Protein backbone atom coordinates (compact mmCIF):
# COMPACT_ATOMS: atom_id res chain seq x y z
CA GLU A 1 -7.67 55.66 29.65
CA ARG A 2 -9.15 52.20 29.51
CA PHE A 3 -7.20 49.25 30.98
CA ASP A 4 -7.16 46.80 28.10
CA GLY A 5 -6.71 43.66 30.16
CA SER A 6 -8.97 42.00 32.71
CA ILE A 7 -8.55 41.16 36.42
CA GLY A 8 -9.68 38.24 38.53
CA PRO A 9 -10.43 37.54 42.21
CA GLY A 10 -7.89 39.04 44.58
CA GLU A 11 -6.48 41.31 41.89
CA ALA A 12 -6.56 45.08 41.41
CA VAL A 13 -5.39 47.54 38.79
CA ARG A 14 -4.83 51.24 39.16
CA ILE A 15 -7.15 53.56 37.21
CA PHE A 16 -8.01 57.24 37.46
CA THR A 17 -11.25 59.06 38.11
CA GLY A 18 -13.65 58.78 35.20
CA ALA A 19 -12.02 55.77 33.57
CA PRO A 20 -14.17 52.80 32.47
CA VAL A 21 -14.32 49.98 35.02
CA PRO A 22 -11.84 47.27 33.85
CA ASP A 23 -13.20 43.89 32.80
CA GLY A 24 -13.54 41.60 35.80
CA ALA A 25 -13.65 44.41 38.37
CA ASP A 26 -16.80 44.94 40.46
CA ALA A 27 -15.74 47.69 42.90
CA ILE A 28 -13.50 50.75 43.17
CA LEU A 29 -11.14 51.28 46.09
CA ILE A 30 -10.19 54.94 46.35
CA GLN A 31 -6.49 55.67 46.60
CA GLU A 32 -6.82 57.25 50.06
CA ASN A 33 -8.00 53.89 51.45
CA ALA A 34 -5.18 51.81 49.96
CA GLU A 35 -1.51 51.24 50.74
CA ARG A 36 0.72 49.91 48.00
CA GLU A 37 4.07 48.20 48.39
CA GLY A 38 5.41 46.85 45.13
CA ASN A 39 2.74 44.65 43.61
CA THR A 40 0.86 44.25 46.90
CA VAL A 41 -2.13 46.47 47.78
CA THR A 42 -3.34 46.58 51.38
CA VAL A 43 -6.99 47.60 51.82
CA THR A 44 -7.50 49.89 54.82
CA THR A 45 -11.33 50.10 54.69
CA PRO A 46 -13.94 47.49 53.74
CA VAL A 47 -14.88 47.26 50.06
CA SER A 48 -18.31 46.03 48.93
CA GLU A 49 -19.43 45.00 45.47
CA GLY A 50 -20.39 48.06 43.39
CA LEU A 51 -18.57 50.55 45.63
CA HIS A 52 -17.88 53.83 43.73
CA VAL A 53 -18.99 52.25 40.44
CA ARG A 54 -21.45 54.22 38.33
CA PRO A 55 -23.31 51.73 36.13
CA ALA A 56 -24.15 52.61 32.55
CA GLY A 57 -27.57 54.26 32.39
CA LEU A 58 -27.42 55.47 36.00
CA ASP A 59 -28.39 59.04 35.02
CA PHE A 60 -30.54 58.40 31.94
CA LYS A 61 -31.00 55.79 29.26
CA LYS A 62 -31.05 55.85 25.48
CA ASP A 63 -34.26 57.33 24.02
CA GLU A 64 -35.43 58.58 27.42
CA ARG A 65 -37.09 62.02 27.10
CA LEU A 66 -35.59 64.44 29.60
CA LEU A 67 -36.35 67.89 28.14
CA ALA A 68 -39.93 68.36 27.00
CA ALA A 69 -41.11 70.99 24.54
CA GLY A 70 -42.25 74.18 26.25
CA LEU A 71 -39.59 74.06 28.97
CA VAL A 72 -37.74 77.26 29.79
CA LEU A 73 -34.06 76.33 29.51
CA GLY A 74 -31.96 77.52 32.41
CA SER A 75 -28.41 76.62 33.35
CA ARG A 76 -29.36 73.13 34.57
CA GLY A 77 -31.37 72.29 31.46
CA ILE A 78 -28.58 73.49 29.19
CA ALA A 79 -26.05 71.37 31.09
CA LEU A 80 -28.36 68.36 30.76
CA ALA A 81 -28.79 68.91 27.02
CA ALA A 82 -25.01 69.02 26.64
CA SER A 83 -24.59 65.81 28.67
CA MET A 84 -27.12 64.20 26.31
CA ASN A 85 -24.67 65.08 23.51
CA TYR A 86 -26.82 67.78 21.92
CA ALA A 87 -24.71 70.60 20.56
CA GLN A 88 -27.92 72.43 19.60
CA VAL A 89 -31.58 72.24 20.57
CA PRO A 90 -34.58 73.85 18.81
CA VAL A 91 -35.93 76.83 20.73
CA ARG A 92 -38.46 79.61 20.31
CA ARG A 93 -36.80 82.96 19.79
CA ARG A 94 -37.71 85.79 22.11
CA PRO A 95 -40.61 87.83 20.71
CA ARG A 96 -39.52 91.34 19.71
CA VAL A 97 -41.76 93.95 21.30
CA ALA A 98 -41.57 97.49 19.89
CA ILE A 99 -42.63 100.11 22.47
CA LEU A 100 -43.80 103.58 21.48
CA ALA A 101 -44.95 106.24 23.95
CA THR A 102 -47.08 109.07 22.58
CA GLY A 103 -47.87 112.54 23.87
CA ASP A 104 -46.61 116.13 23.65
CA GLU A 105 -46.49 116.22 27.44
CA LEU A 106 -43.87 113.47 27.81
CA VAL A 107 -40.20 114.00 28.66
CA PRO A 108 -37.74 111.07 28.90
CA PRO A 109 -36.36 110.14 32.34
CA GLY A 110 -33.46 112.43 33.16
CA GLY A 111 -35.04 115.30 31.24
CA ASP A 112 -36.23 118.67 32.45
CA PRO A 113 -40.05 118.79 32.23
CA GLY A 114 -41.72 122.11 31.56
CA PRO A 115 -44.83 123.32 33.39
CA ASP A 116 -47.11 121.36 31.00
CA GLN A 117 -45.02 118.17 30.90
CA ILE A 118 -44.41 115.00 32.90
CA ILE A 119 -41.68 112.36 33.03
CA SER A 120 -42.38 109.36 30.79
CA SER A 121 -42.12 106.33 33.07
CA ASN A 122 -44.22 103.93 31.06
CA SER A 123 -41.70 102.94 28.39
CA ALA A 124 -39.08 101.92 30.93
CA GLY A 125 -41.61 99.99 33.01
CA VAL A 126 -43.16 98.21 30.05
CA ALA A 127 -39.71 97.35 28.65
CA ALA A 128 -38.77 95.75 31.98
CA LEU A 129 -42.05 93.85 31.98
CA VAL A 130 -41.33 92.58 28.46
CA HIS A 131 -37.91 91.39 29.58
CA GLU A 132 -39.40 89.63 32.63
CA ALA A 133 -41.88 87.81 30.39
CA GLY A 134 -39.10 86.56 28.09
CA GLY A 135 -39.41 89.08 25.28
CA GLU A 136 -36.93 91.46 23.69
CA PRO A 137 -37.97 95.11 24.11
CA VAL A 138 -37.26 97.62 21.35
CA ASP A 139 -37.71 101.27 22.41
CA LEU A 140 -39.13 103.46 19.66
CA GLY A 141 -38.95 106.56 21.84
CA ILE A 142 -41.68 109.18 22.23
CA ALA A 143 -43.90 110.42 19.40
CA PRO A 144 -45.71 113.76 19.62
CA ASP A 145 -49.47 114.07 19.19
CA ASP A 146 -49.31 114.10 15.40
CA VAL A 147 -50.72 111.46 13.06
CA LYS A 148 -47.75 111.53 10.69
CA ALA A 149 -45.18 111.45 13.50
CA ILE A 150 -46.92 108.48 15.09
CA GLY A 151 -47.08 106.70 11.74
CA ASP A 152 -43.39 107.35 11.05
CA ALA A 153 -42.47 105.97 14.48
CA VAL A 154 -44.60 102.86 13.92
CA ALA A 155 -42.72 102.27 10.65
CA ARG A 156 -39.54 101.87 12.71
CA ALA A 157 -41.03 98.80 14.43
CA GLY A 158 -39.85 96.80 11.43
CA ASP A 159 -40.38 93.06 11.90
CA ALA A 160 -41.41 93.26 15.55
CA ASP A 161 -43.83 90.58 16.71
CA ILE A 162 -45.76 92.97 18.95
CA LEU A 163 -46.23 96.71 18.69
CA THR A 164 -47.08 98.22 22.06
CA LEU A 165 -48.24 101.82 22.09
CA ILE A 166 -48.69 103.78 25.29
CA GLY A 167 -51.26 106.56 25.46
CA GLY A 168 -53.28 108.24 22.74
CA ALA A 169 -55.87 105.45 22.44
CA SER A 170 -58.75 107.12 24.29
CA VAL A 171 -61.42 109.46 22.90
CA GLY A 172 -59.87 112.94 23.31
CA ASP A 173 -59.02 115.30 20.48
CA HIS A 174 -55.32 114.49 20.89
CA ASP A 175 -55.77 110.69 21.05
CA LEU A 176 -54.53 109.99 17.54
CA VAL A 177 -52.97 106.52 17.83
CA GLN A 178 -55.90 104.60 16.38
CA GLU A 179 -56.22 107.00 13.43
CA ALA A 180 -52.50 106.72 12.66
CA LEU A 181 -52.55 102.92 12.82
CA VAL A 182 -55.69 102.47 10.74
CA ALA A 183 -54.11 104.71 8.11
CA ARG A 184 -51.21 102.26 7.96
CA GLY A 185 -53.54 99.26 7.56
CA MET A 186 -54.24 98.14 11.12
CA THR A 187 -57.28 95.94 11.70
CA LEU A 188 -58.92 96.87 15.00
CA ASP A 189 -59.99 93.75 16.91
CA PHE A 190 -61.45 95.49 19.96
CA TRP A 191 -61.12 98.77 21.80
CA ARG A 192 -62.14 99.88 25.31
CA ILE A 193 -63.00 97.26 27.90
CA ALA A 194 -64.84 97.30 31.21
CA MET A 195 -61.87 97.17 33.55
CA ARG A 196 -60.27 99.55 36.01
CA PRO A 197 -57.58 100.68 35.62
CA GLY A 198 -57.24 100.34 31.87
CA LYS A 199 -60.51 101.13 30.09
CA PRO A 200 -59.02 102.56 26.84
CA LEU A 201 -57.12 99.35 25.97
CA MET A 202 -56.83 98.70 22.21
CA VAL A 203 -56.06 95.40 20.46
CA GLY A 204 -55.53 94.86 16.76
CA HIS A 205 -53.04 93.60 14.19
CA LEU A 206 -50.96 95.25 11.50
CA GLN A 207 -50.22 92.55 8.94
CA ALA A 208 -48.41 89.86 10.99
CA MET A 209 -47.63 92.21 13.90
CA ARG A 210 -49.87 92.16 16.97
CA VAL A 211 -50.86 95.61 18.19
CA LEU A 212 -51.57 96.39 21.83
CA GLY A 213 -52.48 99.93 22.80
CA LEU A 214 -52.02 100.58 26.52
CA PRO A 215 -53.54 103.49 28.45
CA GLY A 216 -51.36 106.50 29.18
CA ASN A 217 -51.88 106.60 32.94
CA PRO A 218 -48.81 104.91 34.45
CA VAL A 219 -50.60 102.42 36.70
CA SER A 220 -53.13 101.62 33.97
CA ALA A 221 -50.33 100.90 31.50
CA MET A 222 -48.50 98.58 33.89
CA VAL A 223 -51.61 96.73 35.07
CA CYS A 224 -52.74 96.17 31.47
CA GLY A 225 -49.21 95.04 30.69
CA HIS A 226 -49.47 92.36 33.37
CA ILE A 227 -52.96 91.27 32.30
CA PHE A 228 -52.53 91.38 28.51
CA LEU A 229 -48.93 91.91 27.32
CA LYS A 230 -47.14 89.32 29.46
CA PRO A 231 -49.62 86.55 28.56
CA LEU A 232 -49.26 87.43 24.86
CA ILE A 233 -45.47 87.14 25.09
CA ARG A 234 -45.70 83.84 26.95
CA ALA A 235 -48.14 82.49 24.34
CA LEU A 236 -45.69 83.37 21.55
CA LEU A 237 -43.01 81.50 23.53
CA GLY A 238 -45.23 78.42 23.67
CA LEU A 239 -45.77 78.79 27.41
CA THR A 240 -48.98 78.73 29.44
CA PRO A 241 -50.13 82.35 29.28
CA GLY A 242 -51.62 83.06 32.73
CA PRO A 243 -51.91 85.10 34.87
CA PHE A 244 -53.60 82.74 37.29
CA ALA A 245 -55.59 83.94 40.28
CA GLN A 246 -54.75 82.73 43.76
CA THR A 247 -57.15 82.92 46.68
CA ALA A 248 -56.47 85.21 49.63
CA ILE A 249 -58.59 86.68 52.41
CA LEU A 250 -59.34 90.37 52.65
CA GLY A 251 -57.44 92.40 55.21
CA ALA A 252 -59.93 95.29 54.99
CA ASP A 253 -63.54 95.90 53.98
CA MET A 254 -64.23 96.68 50.32
CA ALA A 255 -67.19 98.57 48.87
CA ALA A 256 -69.52 97.19 46.22
CA ASN A 257 -68.25 97.37 42.65
CA ASP A 258 -69.79 98.94 39.55
CA ARG A 259 -69.91 97.53 35.98
CA ARG A 260 -66.14 97.49 35.49
CA GLN A 261 -63.86 94.72 36.69
CA ASP A 262 -61.40 96.17 39.20
CA TYR A 263 -57.75 95.25 39.67
CA VAL A 264 -57.01 96.65 43.11
CA ARG A 265 -53.45 97.10 44.33
CA ALA A 266 -52.82 95.30 47.60
CA GLU A 267 -50.16 94.19 50.05
CA LEU A 268 -49.86 90.52 51.00
CA ALA A 269 -49.08 89.11 54.44
CA SER A 270 -49.29 85.70 56.10
CA GLN A 271 -51.65 85.19 59.01
CA ASP A 272 -52.31 81.80 60.66
CA GLY A 273 -51.08 80.04 57.54
CA ARG A 274 -53.36 82.01 55.22
CA THR A 275 -52.51 84.78 52.75
CA VAL A 276 -54.06 88.12 53.63
CA ALA A 277 -54.53 90.76 50.91
CA THR A 278 -54.99 94.29 52.19
CA PRO A 279 -55.97 96.87 49.55
CA PHE A 280 -54.39 100.31 49.58
CA LYS A 281 -56.87 103.01 50.51
CA ARG A 282 -56.09 105.16 47.47
CA GLN A 283 -56.13 103.53 44.03
CA ASP A 284 -55.56 106.50 41.69
CA SER A 285 -54.14 105.35 38.34
CA SER A 286 -51.34 107.92 38.51
CA MET A 287 -49.84 106.55 41.75
CA MET A 288 -46.81 104.50 40.72
CA ALA A 289 -45.39 104.45 44.26
CA THR A 290 -48.45 102.48 45.35
CA LEU A 291 -48.02 100.00 42.50
CA ALA A 292 -44.34 99.59 43.35
CA ARG A 293 -45.29 98.68 46.94
CA ALA A 294 -48.05 96.28 45.87
CA ASP A 295 -47.56 92.53 45.99
CA ALA A 296 -50.75 91.62 44.15
CA LEU A 297 -53.92 92.80 42.46
CA ILE A 298 -57.27 91.92 44.05
CA VAL A 299 -59.70 91.05 41.26
CA ARG A 300 -63.21 92.46 41.84
CA PRO A 301 -65.74 91.25 39.23
CA PRO A 302 -68.35 93.63 37.82
CA PHE A 303 -71.20 94.33 40.23
CA ALA A 304 -69.44 92.51 43.07
CA GLU A 305 -71.20 93.08 46.37
CA ALA A 306 -69.50 94.76 49.30
CA ALA A 307 -66.97 92.41 50.92
CA LYS A 308 -66.10 92.27 54.59
CA ILE A 309 -62.67 91.67 56.09
CA GLY A 310 -61.91 87.94 56.05
CA THR A 311 -63.77 87.30 52.77
CA SER A 312 -62.00 85.08 50.23
CA VAL A 313 -61.01 86.97 47.07
CA PRO A 314 -59.02 86.12 43.91
CA THR A 315 -55.63 87.83 43.60
CA ILE A 316 -53.01 88.05 40.86
CA ARG A 317 -49.43 88.15 42.07
CA LEU A 318 -47.17 90.86 40.70
CA GLY A 319 -43.54 90.21 39.78
CA ASP A 320 -42.04 86.81 39.01
């Protein structure tokens, strides 16, 4: 509590931690460095003007902007907002991302796949990627290769901001995703792009909901998720989308590229203060173990010439 009086030269008054500095006082002597006998206080260590006094405005001043729009609020930012006397601050809500895997051949993790089936890893991976990017994943499960079943599953997306479908967007007889979505009113913005992995990517919108169709191959789905889905989520959060390429030097020779832009899984290492990116020898789009071991993707533009070890190349880091 405040001491209501004032003190003059050669005088002291006892206060407790956090109390306002009494009128007339210009320093604080901590109790451990004082000896009191009656009304006499003996100082056992030198005291200088301003010692242990926190002046008003030391941390921040009135009308000073400390938390800018577009900042991701962590524990420190929340504590600062509270110390600024804000009980609430305006924020962007996490985008809701509905995830639907399609295909008769898919069995959920923990299931017992038959001879014509595989474990569905994509939904779990994409959901984790959504969470990393700041979104809220909503799992719609697995829909069989049936137009009505796919349409019924899409209806469960409700008011999701993004509908992400995995598989069924290519050109085979059982790739029915586009047909099912167009029947429900989807506008197709573009479909199939010159990248590897990930050629059958599909982008559109269904009323206010963004639609992103990812390839069914596991690596293709995850790479396209990094290149397209994470930036979309970040944009909806008001953040800089990315991903941004960083330069590294090749740790192995690479052959010339064709007309598709390649995203090549690679390991990173440090050598003489430089980052070295060494591509894995096998880049099959079914090899999740290779993607899990990768630190980055080497970006190879269309028609890139053969590159020798030591050549500078752009890379996109994986993970946070």
